[in-house]
Amino acid sequence: MIEERRVSIPRMNCSGCLRNVTNTLQALPSLAIIATDLPAKTLHLHYDPEQLSLEQIKTALEQAEYPIEKELPLVE
């Protein structure tokens, strides 16, 4: 089963920040970045919770200095 999350990353301010966040997340197993919204500073993620937890995602982003501020409702 795939988990779906939308998160806010307030420190993601420019295309360089977005690239750093994307590179950090692409190094994690079983994670897909479905959509990014730089002006809103959000990411929409899909991942396999059997291979990766939200805590691991949060830790990776914190170590890259782009902490998740909060989870947001999914937008359809």
C-alpha atoms as a PDB file:
ATOM      1  CA  MET A   1       0.000   0.000   0.000  1.00  0.00           C
ATOM      2  CA  ILE A   2       1.310   3.442  -0.915  1.00  0.00           C
ATOM      3  CA  GLU A   3       1.147   6.371   1.511  1.00  0.00           C
ATOM      4  CA  GLU A   4       0.405   9.824   0.177  1.00  0.00           C
ATOM      5  CA  ARG A   5       1.388  13.023   1.997  1.00  0.00           C
ATOM      6  CA  ARG A   6       1.472  16.738   1.295  1.00  0.00           C
ATOM      7  CA  VAL A   7       3.937  18.702   3.411  1.00  0.00           C
ATOM      8  CA  SER A   8       4.995  22.287   3.968  1.00  0.00           C
ATOM      9  CA  ILE A   9       8.703  23.183   3.846  1.00  0.00           C
ATOM     10  CA  PRO A  10       9.000  26.912   4.671  1.00  0.00           C
ATOM     11  CA  ARG A  11      12.762  27.101   4.021  1.00  0.00           C
ATOM     12  CA  MET A  12      12.274  26.032   0.376  1.00  0.00           C
ATOM     13  CA  ASN A  13      12.569  29.536  -1.104  1.00  0.00           C
ATOM     14  CA  CYS A  14      14.224  29.210  -4.509  1.00  0.00           C
ATOM     15  CA  SER A  15      14.947  26.793  -7.326  1.00  0.00           C
ATOM     16  CA  GLY A  16      18.259  25.879  -5.679  1.00  0.00           C
ATOM     17  CA  CYS A  17      16.409  24.973  -2.467  1.00  0.00           C
ATOM     18  CA  LEU A  18      13.942  22.900  -4.460  1.00  0.00           C
ATOM     19  CA  ARG A  19      16.823  21.088  -6.175  1.00  0.00           C
ATOM     20  CA  ASN A  20      18.454  20.356  -2.788  1.00  0.00           C
ATOM     21  CA  VAL A  21      15.173  19.027  -1.360  1.00  0.00           C
ATOM     22  CA  THR A  22      14.567  16.915  -4.477  1.00  0.00           C
ATOM     23  CA  ASN A  23      18.112  15.485  -4.416  1.00  0.00           C
ATOM     24  CA  THR A  24      17.769  14.650  -0.717  1.00  0.00           C
ATOM     25  CA  LEU A  25      14.480  12.839  -1.248  1.00  0.00           C
ATOM     26  CA  GLN A  26      15.589  11.014  -4.395  1.00  0.00           C
ATOM     27  CA  ALA A  27      18.278   9.291  -2.303  1.00  0.00           C
ATOM     28  CA  LEU A  28      15.572   7.603  -0.204  1.00  0.00           C
ATOM     29  CA  PRO A  29      14.122   4.226  -1.206  1.00  0.00           C
ATOM     30  CA  SER A  30      10.604   3.915  -2.545  1.00  0.00           C
ATOM     31  CA  LEU A  31       9.774   7.631  -2.590  1.00  0.00           C
ATOM     32  CA  ALA A  32       8.157   9.525  -5.435  1.00  0.00           C
ATOM     33  CA  ILE A  33       7.765  13.280  -5.531  1.00  0.00           C
ATOM     34  CA  ILE A  34       4.456  13.709  -7.301  1.00  0.00           C
ATOM     35  CA  ALA A  35       4.310  17.491  -7.328  1.00  0.00           C
ATOM     36  CA  THR A  36       6.236  20.464  -6.062  1.00  0.00           C
ATOM     37  CA  ASP A  37       4.876  23.954  -5.540  1.00  0.00           C
ATOM     38  CA  LEU A  38       7.711  26.382  -4.908  1.00  0.00           C
ATOM     39  CA  PRO A  39       5.514  29.491  -4.331  1.00  0.00           C
ATOM     40  CA  ALA A  40       3.433  27.564  -1.758  1.00  0.00           C
ATOM     41  CA  LYS A  41       6.574  25.782  -0.439  1.00  0.00           C
ATOM     42  CA  THR A  42       4.919  22.365  -0.548  1.00  0.00           C
ATOM     43  CA  LEU A  43       5.679  18.841  -1.723  1.00  0.00           C
ATOM     44  CA  HIS A  44       3.240  16.066  -2.580  1.00  0.00           C
ATOM     45  CA  LEU A  45       4.840  12.687  -1.866  1.00  0.00           C
ATOM     46  CA  HIS A  46       4.044   9.003  -2.435  1.00  0.00           C
ATOM     47  CA  TYR A  47       6.042   6.313  -0.624  1.00  0.00           C
ATOM     48  CA  ASP A  48       5.864   2.682   0.432  1.00  0.00           C
ATOM     49  CA  PRO A  49       5.557   2.619   4.252  1.00  0.00           C
ATOM     50  CA  GLU A  50       7.017  -0.893   4.328  1.00  0.00           C
ATOM     51  CA  GLN A  51      10.306   0.524   3.003  1.00  0.00           C
ATOM     52  CA  LEU A  52      10.252   4.104   4.274  1.00  0.00           C
ATOM     53  CA  SER A  53       8.576   5.991   7.105  1.00  0.00           C
ATOM     54  CA  LEU A  54       7.469   9.593   7.304  1.00  0.00           C
ATOM     55  CA  GLU A  55       9.931   9.975  10.186  1.00  0.00           C
ATOM     56  CA  GLN A  56      12.795   8.917   7.903  1.00  0.00           C
ATOM     57  CA  ILE A  57      11.661  11.493   5.337  1.00  0.00           C
ATOM     58  CA  LYS A  58      11.485  14.169   8.041  1.00  0.00           C
ATOM     59  CA  THR A  59      14.936  13.243   9.349  1.00  0.00           C
ATOM     60  CA  ALA A  60      16.509  13.382   5.877  1.00  0.00           C
ATOM     61  CA  LEU A  61      15.027  16.817   5.240  1.00  0.00           C
ATOM     62  CA  GLU A  62      16.055  18.105   8.682  1.00  0.00           C
ATOM     63  CA  GLN A  63      19.630  16.942   8.055  1.00  0.00           C
ATOM     64  CA  ALA A  64      19.556  18.826   4.730  1.00  0.00           C
ATOM     65  CA  GLU A  65      18.311  21.898   6.661  1.00  0.00           C
ATOM     66  CA  TYR A  66      14.837  21.876   5.061  1.00  0.00           C
ATOM     67  CA  PRO A  67      12.589  20.684   7.902  1.00  0.00           C
ATOM     68  CA  ILE A  68       8.953  19.848   7.316  1.00  0.00           C
ATOM     69  CA  GLU A  69       6.840  22.395   9.162  1.00  0.00           C
ATOM     70  CA  LYS A  70       3.582  20.451   8.985  1.00  0.00           C
ATOM     71  CA  GLU A  71       1.494  18.004   7.044  1.00  0.00           C
ATOM     72  CA  LEU A  72      -1.211  19.551   4.888  1.00  0.00           C
ATOM     73  CA  PRO A  73      -4.523  18.212   3.619  1.00  0.00           C
ATOM     74  CA  LEU A  74      -4.323  16.431   0.292  1.00  0.00           C
ATOM     75  CA  VAL A  75      -5.632  18.459  -2.614  1.00  0.00           C
ATOM     76  CA  GLU A  76      -7.685  16.652  -5.208  1.00  0.00           C
END
